[in-house]
């Protein structure tokens, strides 16, 4: 184990997989000579050359479609979308082609594509560079959706995603890029399984299920609530499609209360799916209504972004509210 930044853990994962498998290549805007808009591919162009680190024109639909063709011919592309907001330009390729090709062609070939994209607000990037759109992709059969919260997790999950024979939407919150933490050394080759959650903090009073940046906000809230005698269990989903029902259900059966937190707008977010599944399948385990934490239903405001994105105070308030309520 070693200390590194989240963004460098991403680079290490890509580099190690490109070293391991010559079929892995990276494609996107400014990923080569510039080293990526956030520095995730710095040095890869010099090491692997222009055939495996491919700078593209500003055409998300074009280079994502190119990656689909490459994957169907046996290559393993990593596609970088500069901001998640721009993936809207490539929705036809991702939703109508990449997600469905294995199914439509009777599994005659695989579709090993990773589409990486940074999401999230709080950096005053405005309404067209701050959106969290993960629920769109989680709703599409054929896609896996990953949201890693720590340097260790982002490296292990990205390596697993690159090796997966199915398309993976790999989402990174921009505010986590500078975060420092431990990550696995090259020699360890840590691969974290997709679809498996991680209990970041054990507790007995309320279960908080979160992903990405909201994991850290939930942990902050849990530490503060602990001083008031409230013991919160924090579950990091890590993969929101497929999500780890067993871990969530087991925790709810222990705490009997549930809060789901994400940065995306609350309406129709992945929290709604988790809340519905718990209500449908283990309602008798609940002692209080399920509460959700999310952004307000509106575009991210440039000047008010820090108030727009949910944080630890919002999670803490939801935990207290569910403890005050009962059926």
C-alpha atoms as a PDB file:
ATOM      1  CA  UNK A   1       0.000   0.000   0.000  1.00  0.00           C
ATOM      2  CA  UNK A   2       1.085   3.560  -0.646  1.00  0.00           C
ATOM      3  CA  UNK A   3      -0.329   7.072  -0.351  1.00  0.00           C
ATOM      4  CA  UNK A   4      -1.477   8.678  -3.571  1.00  0.00           C
ATOM      5  CA  UNK A   5      -4.083  11.037  -4.934  1.00  0.00           C
ATOM      6  CA  UNK A   6      -7.373   9.797  -6.359  1.00  0.00           C
ATOM      7  CA  UNK A   7      -6.520  11.109  -9.836  1.00  0.00           C
ATOM      8  CA  UNK A   8      -3.134   9.376  -9.800  1.00  0.00           C
ATOM      9  CA  UNK A   9      -4.766   6.116  -8.712  1.00  0.00           C
ATOM     10  CA  UNK A  10      -6.880   6.342 -11.875  1.00  0.00           C
ATOM     11  CA  UNK A  11      -3.757   6.848 -13.965  1.00  0.00           C
ATOM     12  CA  UNK A  12      -2.012   3.930 -12.263  1.00  0.00           C
ATOM     13  CA  UNK A  13      -4.951   1.630 -12.946  1.00  0.00           C
ATOM     14  CA  UNK A  14      -4.977   2.514 -16.639  1.00  0.00           C
ATOM     15  CA  UNK A  15      -1.201   2.258 -16.951  1.00  0.00           C
ATOM     16  CA  UNK A  16      -1.026  -1.110 -15.232  1.00  0.00           C
ATOM     17  CA  UNK A  17      -3.797  -2.525 -17.410  1.00  0.00           C
ATOM     18  CA  UNK A  18      -2.178  -1.147 -20.567  1.00  0.00           C
ATOM     19  CA  UNK A  19       1.091  -2.782 -19.499  1.00  0.00           C
ATOM     20  CA  UNK A  20      -0.714  -6.058 -18.841  1.00  0.00           C
ATOM     21  CA  UNK A  21      -2.861  -6.185 -21.969  1.00  0.00           C
ATOM     22  CA  UNK A  22      -1.787  -4.676 -25.330  1.00  0.00           C
ATOM     23  CA  UNK A  23      -5.437  -4.577 -26.414  1.00  0.00           C
ATOM     24  CA  UNK A  24      -6.231  -1.850 -23.862  1.00  0.00           C
ATOM     25  CA  UNK A  25      -6.121   1.694 -25.237  1.00  0.00           C
ATOM     26  CA  UNK A  26      -7.298   5.142 -24.165  1.00  0.00           C
ATOM     27  CA  UNK A  27      -9.259   7.534 -26.348  1.00  0.00           C
ATOM     28  CA  UNK A  28     -10.769  10.977 -25.789  1.00  0.00           C
ATOM     29  CA  UNK A  29     -10.290  14.721 -25.944  1.00  0.00           C
ATOM     30  CA  UNK A  30      -6.890  15.909 -24.669  1.00  0.00           C
ATOM     31  CA  UNK A  31      -5.992  12.514 -23.197  1.00  0.00           C
ATOM     32  CA  UNK A  32      -2.674  12.361 -25.065  1.00  0.00           C
ATOM     33  CA  UNK A  33      -0.352  15.329 -25.366  1.00  0.00           C
ATOM     34  CA  UNK A  34      -2.177  17.282 -22.647  1.00  0.00           C
ATOM     35  CA  UNK A  35      -2.325  14.329 -20.267  1.00  0.00           C
ATOM     36  CA  UNK A  36      -6.069  14.663 -19.714  1.00  0.00           C
ATOM     37  CA  UNK A  37      -8.067  17.677 -18.594  1.00  0.00           C
ATOM     38  CA  UNK A  38      -7.628  16.602 -14.968  1.00  0.00           C
ATOM     39  CA  UNK A  39      -4.251  14.905 -15.379  1.00  0.00           C
ATOM     40  CA  UNK A  40      -5.501  11.321 -15.316  1.00  0.00           C
ATOM     41  CA  UNK A  41      -3.432  10.244 -18.327  1.00  0.00           C
ATOM     42  CA  UNK A  42      -0.308  12.317 -17.788  1.00  0.00           C
ATOM     43  CA  UNK A  43       2.712  10.480 -19.189  1.00  0.00           C
ATOM     44  CA  UNK A  44       0.732   7.702 -20.896  1.00  0.00           C
ATOM     45  CA  UNK A  45       1.112   9.200 -24.373  1.00  0.00           C
ATOM     46  CA  UNK A  46       4.884   9.316 -23.985  1.00  0.00           C
ATOM     47  CA  UNK A  47       4.967   5.725 -22.751  1.00  0.00           C
ATOM     48  CA  UNK A  48       2.479   4.028 -25.070  1.00  0.00           C
ATOM     49  CA  UNK A  49       2.411   6.300 -28.120  1.00  0.00           C
ATOM     50  CA  UNK A  50      -0.364   7.767 -30.263  1.00  0.00           C
ATOM     51  CA  UNK A  51      -1.811   4.398 -31.314  1.00  0.00           C
ATOM     52  CA  UNK A  52      -2.783   3.517 -27.734  1.00  0.00           C
ATOM     53  CA  UNK A  53      -3.407   6.994 -26.299  1.00  0.00           C
ATOM     54  CA  UNK A  54      -5.542   8.660 -28.924  1.00  0.00           C
ATOM     55  CA  UNK A  55      -6.372  12.359 -28.984  1.00  0.00           C
ATOM     56  CA  UNK A  56      -9.690  12.985 -30.722  1.00  0.00           C
ATOM     57  CA  UNK A  57     -11.656  15.860 -32.199  1.00  0.00           C
ATOM     58  CA  UNK A  58     -14.486  17.313 -30.096  1.00  0.00           C
ATOM     59  CA  UNK A  59     -16.980  14.623 -31.081  1.00  0.00           C
ATOM     60  CA  UNK A  60     -18.153  12.448 -28.197  1.00  0.00           C
ATOM     61  CA  UNK A  61     -20.523  10.510 -30.433  1.00  0.00           C
ATOM     62  CA  UNK A  62     -17.764   9.903 -32.977  1.00  0.00           C
ATOM     63  CA  UNK A  63     -15.051   8.542 -30.712  1.00  0.00           C
ATOM     64  CA  UNK A  64     -17.475   6.609 -28.510  1.00  0.00           C
ATOM     65  CA  UNK A  65     -18.831   4.903 -31.629  1.00  0.00           C
ATOM     66  CA  UNK A  66     -15.253   4.203 -32.728  1.00  0.00           C
ATOM     67  CA  UNK A  67     -14.648   2.529 -29.377  1.00  0.00           C
ATOM     68  CA  UNK A  68     -17.737   0.351 -29.867  1.00  0.00           C
ATOM     69  CA  UNK A  69     -16.375  -0.901 -33.162  1.00  0.00           C
ATOM     70  CA  UNK A  70     -12.938  -1.487 -31.673  1.00  0.00           C
ATOM     71  CA  UNK A  71     -14.398  -3.473 -28.763  1.00  0.00           C
ATOM     72  CA  UNK A  72     -16.422  -5.650 -31.124  1.00  0.00           C
ATOM     73  CA  UNK A  73     -13.151  -6.505 -32.911  1.00  0.00           C
ATOM     74  CA  UNK A  74     -11.357  -7.616 -29.739  1.00  0.00           C
ATOM     75  CA  UNK A  75      -9.808  -4.430 -28.350  1.00  0.00           C
ATOM     76  CA  UNK A  76     -10.526  -3.013 -24.893  1.00  0.00           C
ATOM     77  CA  UNK A  77     -11.042   0.761 -25.140  1.00  0.00           C
ATOM     78  CA  UNK A  78     -11.141   3.212 -22.253  1.00  0.00           C
ATOM     79  CA  UNK A  79     -13.143   6.257 -23.335  1.00  0.00           C
ATOM     80  CA  UNK A  80     -12.688   9.507 -21.432  1.00  0.00           C
ATOM     81  CA  UNK A  81     -15.548  12.006 -21.538  1.00  0.00           C
ATOM     82  CA  UNK A  82     -14.118  15.336 -20.382  1.00  0.00           C
ATOM     83  CA  UNK A  83     -17.167  16.226 -18.273  1.00  0.00           C
ATOM     84  CA  UNK A  84     -20.136  13.970 -17.626  1.00  0.00           C
ATOM     85  CA  UNK A  85     -22.414  16.665 -19.030  1.00  0.00           C
ATOM     86  CA  UNK A  86     -20.890  16.091 -22.476  1.00  0.00           C
ATOM     87  CA  UNK A  87     -21.880  12.417 -22.511  1.00  0.00           C
ATOM     88  CA  UNK A  88     -25.295  13.556 -23.689  1.00  0.00           C
ATOM     89  CA  UNK A  89     -23.710  13.928 -27.133  1.00  0.00           C
ATOM     90  CA  UNK A  90     -22.857  10.197 -27.107  1.00  0.00           C
ATOM     91  CA  UNK A  91     -26.097   8.777 -25.738  1.00  0.00           C
ATOM     92  CA  UNK A  92     -27.078   7.094 -29.009  1.00  0.00           C
ATOM     93  CA  UNK A  93     -23.805   5.201 -29.152  1.00  0.00           C
ATOM     94  CA  UNK A  94     -23.850   4.208 -25.476  1.00  0.00           C
ATOM     95  CA  UNK A  95     -27.552   3.447 -24.998  1.00  0.00           C
ATOM     96  CA  UNK A  96     -28.583   2.124 -28.409  1.00  0.00           C
ATOM     97  CA  UNK A  97     -25.374   0.415 -29.486  1.00  0.00           C
ATOM     98  CA  UNK A  98     -22.841  -0.351 -26.748  1.00  0.00           C
ATOM     99  CA  UNK A  99     -25.400  -1.428 -24.130  1.00  0.00           C
ATOM    100  CA  UNK A 100     -27.275  -3.739 -26.505  1.00  0.00           C
ATOM    101  CA  UNK A 101     -24.751  -5.252 -28.906  1.00  0.00           C
ATOM    102  CA  UNK A 102     -23.981  -8.449 -26.960  1.00  0.00           C
ATOM    103  CA  UNK A 103     -27.702  -9.104 -26.612  1.00  0.00           C
ATOM    104  CA  UNK A 104     -28.581  -8.292 -30.239  1.00  0.00           C
ATOM    105  CA  UNK A 105     -25.829 -10.482 -31.697  1.00  0.00           C
ATOM    106  CA  UNK A 106     -26.436 -13.484 -29.470  1.00  0.00           C
ATOM    107  CA  UNK A 107     -23.291 -13.034 -27.392  1.00  0.00           C
ATOM    108  CA  UNK A 108     -21.070 -13.783 -30.376  1.00  0.00           C
ATOM    109  CA  UNK A 109     -18.576 -11.194 -29.176  1.00  0.00           C
ATOM    110  CA  UNK A 110     -17.915  -9.140 -26.067  1.00  0.00           C
ATOM    111  CA  UNK A 111     -18.205  -5.388 -25.516  1.00  0.00           C
ATOM    112  CA  UNK A 112     -15.365  -4.510 -23.081  1.00  0.00           C
ATOM    113  CA  UNK A 113     -15.634  -0.720 -22.987  1.00  0.00           C
ATOM    114  CA  UNK A 114     -15.045   1.560 -20.001  1.00  0.00           C
ATOM    115  CA  UNK A 115     -16.494   5.048 -20.350  1.00  0.00           C
ATOM    116  CA  UNK A 116     -14.869   7.296 -17.739  1.00  0.00           C
ATOM    117  CA  UNK A 117     -16.363  10.651 -16.842  1.00  0.00           C
ATOM    118  CA  UNK A 118     -16.055  13.207 -14.008  1.00  0.00           C
ATOM    119  CA  UNK A 119     -19.280  14.493 -12.502  1.00  0.00           C
ATOM    120  CA  UNK A 120     -20.416  16.733  -9.679  1.00  0.00           C
ATOM    121  CA  UNK A 121     -20.686  20.284  -8.442  1.00  0.00           C
ATOM    122  CA  UNK A 122     -19.099  22.406  -5.782  1.00  0.00           C
ATOM    123  CA  UNK A 123     -16.318  23.819  -7.969  1.00  0.00           C
ATOM    124  CA  UNK A 124     -18.364  26.636  -9.494  1.00  0.00           C
ATOM    125  CA  UNK A 125     -18.259  25.112 -12.947  1.00  0.00           C
ATOM    126  CA  UNK A 126     -21.848  26.036 -13.727  1.00  0.00           C
ATOM    127  CA  UNK A 127     -24.936  24.103 -14.825  1.00  0.00           C
ATOM    128  CA  UNK A 128     -23.370  22.537 -17.945  1.00  0.00           C
ATOM    129  CA  UNK A 129     -20.287  21.136 -16.179  1.00  0.00           C
ATOM    130  CA  UNK A 130     -21.631  20.013 -12.791  1.00  0.00           C
ATOM    131  CA  UNK A 131     -24.378  17.469 -13.387  1.00  0.00           C
ATOM    132  CA  UNK A 132     -24.719  14.017 -11.839  1.00  0.00           C
ATOM    133  CA  UNK A 133     -26.453  11.826 -14.410  1.00  0.00           C
ATOM    134  CA  UNK A 134     -25.663   8.334 -13.143  1.00  0.00           C
ATOM    135  CA  UNK A 135     -29.344   7.372 -12.801  1.00  0.00           C
ATOM    136  CA  UNK A 136     -29.756   7.616 -16.600  1.00  0.00           C
ATOM    137  CA  UNK A 137     -27.195   4.882 -17.148  1.00  0.00           C
ATOM    138  CA  UNK A 138     -28.299   2.710 -14.219  1.00  0.00           C
ATOM    139  CA  UNK A 139     -31.694   2.574 -15.941  1.00  0.00           C
ATOM    140  CA  UNK A 140     -30.247   1.040 -19.136  1.00  0.00           C
ATOM    141  CA  UNK A 141     -30.018  -2.781 -19.307  1.00  0.00           C
ATOM    142  CA  UNK A 142     -26.571  -3.869 -20.443  1.00  0.00           C
ATOM    143  CA  UNK A 143     -24.580  -1.184 -18.631  1.00  0.00           C
ATOM    144  CA  UNK A 144     -22.737  -1.443 -15.340  1.00  0.00           C
ATOM    145  CA  UNK A 145     -22.304   1.789 -13.369  1.00  0.00           C
ATOM    146  CA  UNK A 146     -19.420   2.323 -10.939  1.00  0.00           C
ATOM    147  CA  UNK A 147     -18.867   5.243  -8.526  1.00  0.00           C
ATOM    148  CA  UNK A 148     -15.709   4.982  -6.417  1.00  0.00           C
ATOM    149  CA  UNK A 149     -15.131   7.069  -3.291  1.00  0.00           C
ATOM    150  CA  UNK A 150     -11.452   6.541  -2.379  1.00  0.00           C
ATOM    151  CA  UNK A 151      -8.079   6.165  -4.144  1.00  0.00           C
ATOM    152  CA  UNK A 152      -7.911   2.488  -3.145  1.00  0.00           C
ATOM    153  CA  UNK A 153     -11.402   1.807  -4.442  1.00  0.00           C
ATOM    154  CA  UNK A 154     -11.059   3.785  -7.664  1.00  0.00           C
ATOM    155  CA  UNK A 155      -7.922   1.880  -8.638  1.00  0.00           C
ATOM    156  CA  UNK A 156      -9.287  -1.578  -7.810  1.00  0.00           C
ATOM    157  CA  UNK A 157     -12.663  -0.893  -9.415  1.00  0.00           C
ATOM    158  CA  UNK A 158     -11.199   0.657 -12.568  1.00  0.00           C
ATOM    159  CA  UNK A 159      -8.912  -2.338 -13.095  1.00  0.00           C
ATOM    160  CA  UNK A 160     -11.906  -4.643 -12.651  1.00  0.00           C
ATOM    161  CA  UNK A 161     -13.950  -2.547 -15.077  1.00  0.00           C
ATOM    162  CA  UNK A 162     -11.232  -2.668 -17.759  1.00  0.00           C
ATOM    163  CA  UNK A 163     -11.092  -6.461 -17.461  1.00  0.00           C
ATOM    164  CA  UNK A 164     -14.879  -6.836 -17.590  1.00  0.00           C
ATOM    165  CA  UNK A 165     -16.290  -8.067 -20.893  1.00  0.00           C
ATOM    166  CA  UNK A 166     -19.320  -5.793 -20.564  1.00  0.00           C
ATOM    167  CA  UNK A 167     -19.587  -2.003 -20.911  1.00  0.00           C
ATOM    168  CA  UNK A 168     -18.967  -0.055 -17.713  1.00  0.00           C
ATOM    169  CA  UNK A 169     -19.853   3.569 -17.021  1.00  0.00           C
ATOM    170  CA  UNK A 170     -17.122   4.692 -14.617  1.00  0.00           C
ATOM    171  CA  UNK A 171     -18.007   7.896 -12.775  1.00  0.00           C
ATOM    172  CA  UNK A 172     -15.516  10.038 -10.822  1.00  0.00           C
ATOM    173  CA  UNK A 173     -16.556  13.010  -8.713  1.00  0.00           C
ATOM    174  CA  UNK A 174     -14.347  15.978  -9.599  1.00  0.00           C
ATOM    175  CA  UNK A 175     -14.017  17.082  -5.984  1.00  0.00           C
ATOM    176  CA  UNK A 176     -12.370  13.752  -5.143  1.00  0.00           C
ATOM    177  CA  UNK A 177      -9.586  14.043  -7.734  1.00  0.00           C
ATOM    178  CA  UNK A 178      -7.218  15.800  -5.319  1.00  0.00           C
ATOM    179  CA  UNK A 179      -8.080  13.533  -2.383  1.00  0.00           C
ATOM    180  CA  UNK A 180      -5.152  11.652  -0.841  1.00  0.00           C
ATOM    181  CA  UNK A 181      -5.377   8.117   0.449  1.00  0.00           C
ATOM    182  CA  UNK A 182      -3.912   4.648   0.235  1.00  0.00           C
ATOM    183  CA  UNK A 183      -3.877   2.647  -2.972  1.00  0.00           C
ATOM    184  CA  UNK A 184      -2.478  -0.725  -3.943  1.00  0.00           C
ATOM    185  CA  UNK A 185       1.043  -1.109  -5.297  1.00  0.00           C
ATOM    186  CA  UNK A 186       1.561  -2.495  -8.797  1.00  0.00           C
ATOM    187  CA  UNK A 187       2.749  -5.811  -7.383  1.00  0.00           C
ATOM    188  CA  UNK A 188      -0.482  -6.290  -5.445  1.00  0.00           C
ATOM    189  CA  UNK A 189      -2.775  -6.133  -8.523  1.00  0.00           C
ATOM    190  CA  UNK A 190      -5.866  -5.537  -6.374  1.00  0.00           C
ATOM    191  CA  UNK A 191      -9.119  -6.117  -8.266  1.00  0.00           C
ATOM    192  CA  UNK A 192     -12.318  -5.121  -6.468  1.00  0.00           C
ATOM    193  CA  UNK A 193     -15.462  -6.964  -7.566  1.00  0.00           C
ATOM    194  CA  UNK A 194     -18.161  -4.983  -9.334  1.00  0.00           C
ATOM    195  CA  UNK A 195     -21.562  -5.135  -7.665  1.00  0.00           C
ATOM    196  CA  UNK A 196     -20.207  -5.436  -4.137  1.00  0.00           C
ATOM    197  CA  UNK A 197     -20.708  -2.673  -1.538  1.00  0.00           C
ATOM    198  CA  UNK A 198     -18.345  -1.829   1.306  1.00  0.00           C
ATOM    199  CA  UNK A 199     -19.347  -1.010   4.868  1.00  0.00           C
ATOM    200  CA  UNK A 200     -17.196   2.037   5.534  1.00  0.00           C
ATOM    201  CA  UNK A 201     -18.456   2.444   9.107  1.00  0.00           C
ATOM    202  CA  UNK A 202     -20.377  -0.034  11.235  1.00  0.00           C
ATOM    203  CA  UNK A 203     -23.323   1.160  13.313  1.00  0.00           C
ATOM    204  CA  UNK A 204     -26.545   0.074  14.927  1.00  0.00           C
ATOM    205  CA  UNK A 205     -29.053   2.955  14.860  1.00  0.00           C
ATOM    206  CA  UNK A 206     -29.453   4.059  11.230  1.00  0.00           C
ATOM    207  CA  UNK A 207     -28.159   2.767   7.889  1.00  0.00           C
ATOM    208  CA  UNK A 208     -26.889   5.417   5.474  1.00  0.00           C
ATOM    209  CA  UNK A 209     -26.337   4.207   1.910  1.00  0.00           C
ATOM    210  CA  UNK A 210     -24.261   6.502  -0.301  1.00  0.00           C
ATOM    211  CA  UNK A 211     -21.801   6.590  -3.198  1.00  0.00           C
ATOM    212  CA  UNK A 212     -18.840   8.689  -4.328  1.00  0.00           C
ATOM    213  CA  UNK A 213     -18.491  12.095  -2.575  1.00  0.00           C
ATOM    214  CA  UNK A 214     -21.543  11.513  -0.383  1.00  0.00           C
ATOM    215  CA  UNK A 215     -19.752   8.597   1.285  1.00  0.00           C
ATOM    216  CA  UNK A 216     -17.294  11.083   2.797  1.00  0.00           C
ATOM    217  CA  UNK A 217     -20.076  13.496   3.720  1.00  0.00           C
ATOM    218  CA  UNK A 218     -21.969  10.643   5.367  1.00  0.00           C
ATOM    219  CA  UNK A 219     -18.888   9.623   7.337  1.00  0.00           C
ATOM    220  CA  UNK A 220     -18.472  13.228   8.530  1.00  0.00           C
ATOM    221  CA  UNK A 221     -22.098  13.253   9.612  1.00  0.00           C
ATOM    222  CA  UNK A 222     -21.689   9.908  11.376  1.00  0.00           C
ATOM    223  CA  UNK A 223     -18.691  11.134  13.361  1.00  0.00           C
ATOM    224  CA  UNK A 224     -20.580  14.213  14.488  1.00  0.00           C
ATOM    225  CA  UNK A 225     -23.682  12.223  15.381  1.00  0.00           C
ATOM    226  CA  UNK A 226     -21.566   9.794  17.400  1.00  0.00           C
ATOM    227  CA  UNK A 227     -20.827  12.609  19.843  1.00  0.00           C
ATOM    228  CA  UNK A 228     -24.586  12.788  20.410  1.00  0.00           C
ATOM    229  CA  UNK A 229     -24.884   9.062  21.037  1.00  0.00           C
ATOM    230  CA  UNK A 230     -26.222   8.180  17.567  1.00  0.00           C
ATOM    231  CA  UNK A 231     -24.490   5.204  15.948  1.00  0.00           C
ATOM    232  CA  UNK A 232     -24.665   5.344  12.132  1.00  0.00           C
ATOM    233  CA  UNK A 233     -23.697   2.584   9.708  1.00  0.00           C
ATOM    234  CA  UNK A 234     -22.346   3.951   6.405  1.00  0.00           C
ATOM    235  CA  UNK A 235     -22.471   1.754   3.310  1.00  0.00           C
ATOM    236  CA  UNK A 236     -20.535   2.723   0.193  1.00  0.00           C
ATOM    237  CA  UNK A 237     -22.377   1.176  -2.762  1.00  0.00           C
ATOM    238  CA  UNK A 238     -19.295   1.463  -5.034  1.00  0.00           C
ATOM    239  CA  UNK A 239     -21.356  -0.012  -7.877  1.00  0.00           C
ATOM    240  CA  UNK A 240     -24.866   1.350  -8.328  1.00  0.00           C
ATOM    241  CA  UNK A 241     -25.718  -1.026 -11.172  1.00  0.00           C
ATOM    242  CA  UNK A 242     -25.842  -3.784 -10.175  1.00  0.00           C
ATOM    243  CA  UNK A 243     -26.141  -2.703  -6.541  1.00  0.00           C
ATOM    244  CA  UNK A 244     -25.446  -4.922  -3.552  1.00  0.00           C
ATOM    245  CA  UNK A 245     -28.921  -5.704  -2.231  1.00  0.00           C
ATOM    246  CA  UNK A 246     -27.663  -8.281   0.253  1.00  0.00           C
ATOM    247  CA  UNK A 247     -25.363  -5.880   2.114  1.00  0.00           C
ATOM    248  CA  UNK A 248     -27.990  -3.122   2.216  1.00  0.00           C
ATOM    249  CA  UNK A 249     -30.811  -5.419   3.286  1.00  0.00           C
ATOM    250  CA  UNK A 250     -28.682  -7.026   6.013  1.00  0.00           C
ATOM    251  CA  UNK A 251     -27.793  -3.602   7.396  1.00  0.00           C
ATOM    252  CA  UNK A 252     -31.401  -2.390   7.364  1.00  0.00           C
ATOM    253  CA  UNK A 253     -32.451  -5.569   9.164  1.00  0.00           C
ATOM    254  CA  UNK A 254     -29.971  -4.581  11.888  1.00  0.00           C
ATOM    255  CA  UNK A 255     -30.691  -0.844  12.213  1.00  0.00           C
ATOM    256  CA  UNK A 256     -34.339  -0.756  11.062  1.00  0.00           C
ATOM    257  CA  UNK A 257     -33.881   2.737   9.599  1.00  0.00           C
ATOM    258  CA  UNK A 258     -32.565   3.860   6.223  1.00  0.00           C
ATOM    259  CA  UNK A 259     -31.252   7.078   4.679  1.00  0.00           C
ATOM    260  CA  UNK A 260     -30.008   7.084   1.077  1.00  0.00           C
ATOM    261  CA  UNK A 261     -27.717   9.936   0.010  1.00  0.00           C
ATOM    262  CA  UNK A 262     -26.455  11.035  -3.400  1.00  0.00           C
ATOM    263  CA  UNK A 263     -25.334  14.293  -4.993  1.00  0.00           C
ATOM    264  CA  UNK A 264     -27.685  13.987  -7.964  1.00  0.00           C
ATOM    265  CA  UNK A 265     -31.092  15.637  -7.723  1.00  0.00           C
ATOM    266  CA  UNK A 266     -33.255  13.689  -5.296  1.00  0.00           C
ATOM    267  CA  UNK A 267     -36.095  13.048  -7.713  1.00  0.00           C
ATOM    268  CA  UNK A 268     -35.655   9.792  -9.669  1.00  0.00           C
ATOM    269  CA  UNK A 269     -32.091   9.251  -8.426  1.00  0.00           C
ATOM    270  CA  UNK A 270     -30.652   5.849  -7.548  1.00  0.00           C
ATOM    271  CA  UNK A 271     -31.814   6.464  -3.982  1.00  0.00           C
ATOM    272  CA  UNK A 272     -35.401   6.056  -5.162  1.00  0.00           C
ATOM    273  CA  UNK A 273     -34.618   2.572  -6.517  1.00  0.00           C
ATOM    274  CA  UNK A 274     -32.986   1.474  -3.268  1.00  0.00           C
ATOM    275  CA  UNK A 275     -35.822   2.917  -1.199  1.00  0.00           C
ATOM    276  CA  UNK A 276     -38.411   1.169  -3.374  1.00  0.00           C
ATOM    277  CA  UNK A 277     -36.608  -2.181  -3.207  1.00  0.00           C
ATOM    278  CA  UNK A 278     -36.335  -2.024   0.583  1.00  0.00           C
ATOM    279  CA  UNK A 279     -40.003  -1.032   0.897  1.00  0.00           C
ATOM    280  CA  UNK A 280     -41.135  -3.806  -1.442  1.00  0.00           C
ATOM    281  CA  UNK A 281     -39.013  -6.629  -0.076  1.00  0.00           C
ATOM    282  CA  UNK A 282     -38.217  -5.995   3.599  1.00  0.00           C
ATOM    283  CA  UNK A 283     -40.794  -3.443   4.719  1.00  0.00           C
ATOM    284  CA  UNK A 284     -41.357  -5.301   7.990  1.00  0.00           C
ATOM    285  CA  UNK A 285     -37.753  -4.569   8.978  1.00  0.00           C
ATOM    286  CA  UNK A 286     -38.353  -0.802   8.959  1.00  0.00           C
ATOM    287  CA  UNK A 287     -39.308   1.108  12.101  1.00  0.00           C
ATOM    288  CA  UNK A 288     -39.557   4.473  10.302  1.00  0.00           C
ATOM    289  CA  UNK A 289     -40.032   5.851   6.787  1.00  0.00           C
ATOM    290  CA  UNK A 290     -37.033   5.824   4.440  1.00  0.00           C
ATOM    291  CA  UNK A 291     -35.501   9.243   3.820  1.00  0.00           C
ATOM    292  CA  UNK A 292     -33.486  10.445   0.830  1.00  0.00           C
ATOM    293  CA  UNK A 293     -30.818  13.129   0.562  1.00  0.00           C
ATOM    294  CA  UNK A 294     -30.094  14.755  -2.795  1.00  0.00           C
ATOM    295  CA  UNK A 295     -29.721  18.053  -4.594  1.00  0.00           C
ATOM    296  CA  UNK A 296     -32.780  20.256  -5.224  1.00  0.00           C
ATOM    297  CA  UNK A 297     -34.604  19.730  -8.508  1.00  0.00           C
ATOM    298  CA  UNK A 298     -32.973  22.423 -10.597  1.00  0.00           C
ATOM    299  CA  UNK A 299     -29.795  23.205 -12.533  1.00  0.00           C
ATOM    300  CA  UNK A 300     -26.609  23.725 -10.535  1.00  0.00           C
ATOM    301  CA  UNK A 301     -26.216  27.436  -9.896  1.00  0.00           C
ATOM    302  CA  UNK A 302     -22.793  28.911 -10.626  1.00  0.00           C
ATOM    303  CA  UNK A 303     -22.915  31.406  -7.749  1.00  0.00           C
ATOM    304  CA  UNK A 304     -24.772  29.162  -5.271  1.00  0.00           C
ATOM    305  CA  UNK A 305     -23.196  25.799  -6.061  1.00  0.00           C
ATOM    306  CA  UNK A 306     -21.849  25.222  -2.570  1.00  0.00           C
ATOM    307  CA  UNK A 307     -25.399  25.526  -1.240  1.00  0.00           C
ATOM    308  CA  UNK A 308     -26.820  23.396  -4.051  1.00  0.00           C
ATOM    309  CA  UNK A 309     -24.783  20.241  -3.464  1.00  0.00           C
ATOM    310  CA  UNK A 310     -25.839  18.153  -0.430  1.00  0.00           C
ATOM    311  CA  UNK A 311     -23.358  17.573   2.362  1.00  0.00           C
ATOM    312  CA  UNK A 312     -22.789  16.268   5.861  1.00  0.00           C
ATOM    313  CA  UNK A 313     -25.340  18.597   7.466  1.00  0.00           C
ATOM    314  CA  UNK A 314     -28.049  17.308   5.120  1.00  0.00           C
ATOM    315  CA  UNK A 315     -27.202  13.701   5.892  1.00  0.00           C
ATOM    316  CA  UNK A 316     -27.119  14.418   9.624  1.00  0.00           C
ATOM    317  CA  UNK A 317     -30.498  16.139   9.503  1.00  0.00           C
ATOM    318  CA  UNK A 318     -32.024  13.160   7.666  1.00  0.00           C
ATOM    319  CA  UNK A 319     -30.602  10.718  10.224  1.00  0.00           C
ATOM    320  CA  UNK A 320     -32.079  12.716  13.088  1.00  0.00           C
ATOM    321  CA  UNK A 321     -35.405  13.024  11.319  1.00  0.00           C
ATOM    322  CA  UNK A 322     -35.749   9.282  10.756  1.00  0.00           C
ATOM    323  CA  UNK A 323     -34.917   8.651  14.421  1.00  0.00           C
ATOM    324  CA  UNK A 324     -37.728  11.010  15.423  1.00  0.00           C
ATOM    325  CA  UNK A 325     -40.272   9.238  13.227  1.00  0.00           C
ATOM    326  CA  UNK A 326     -41.879   5.826  13.411  1.00  0.00           C
ATOM    327  CA  UNK A 327     -44.691   3.931  11.764  1.00  0.00           C
END
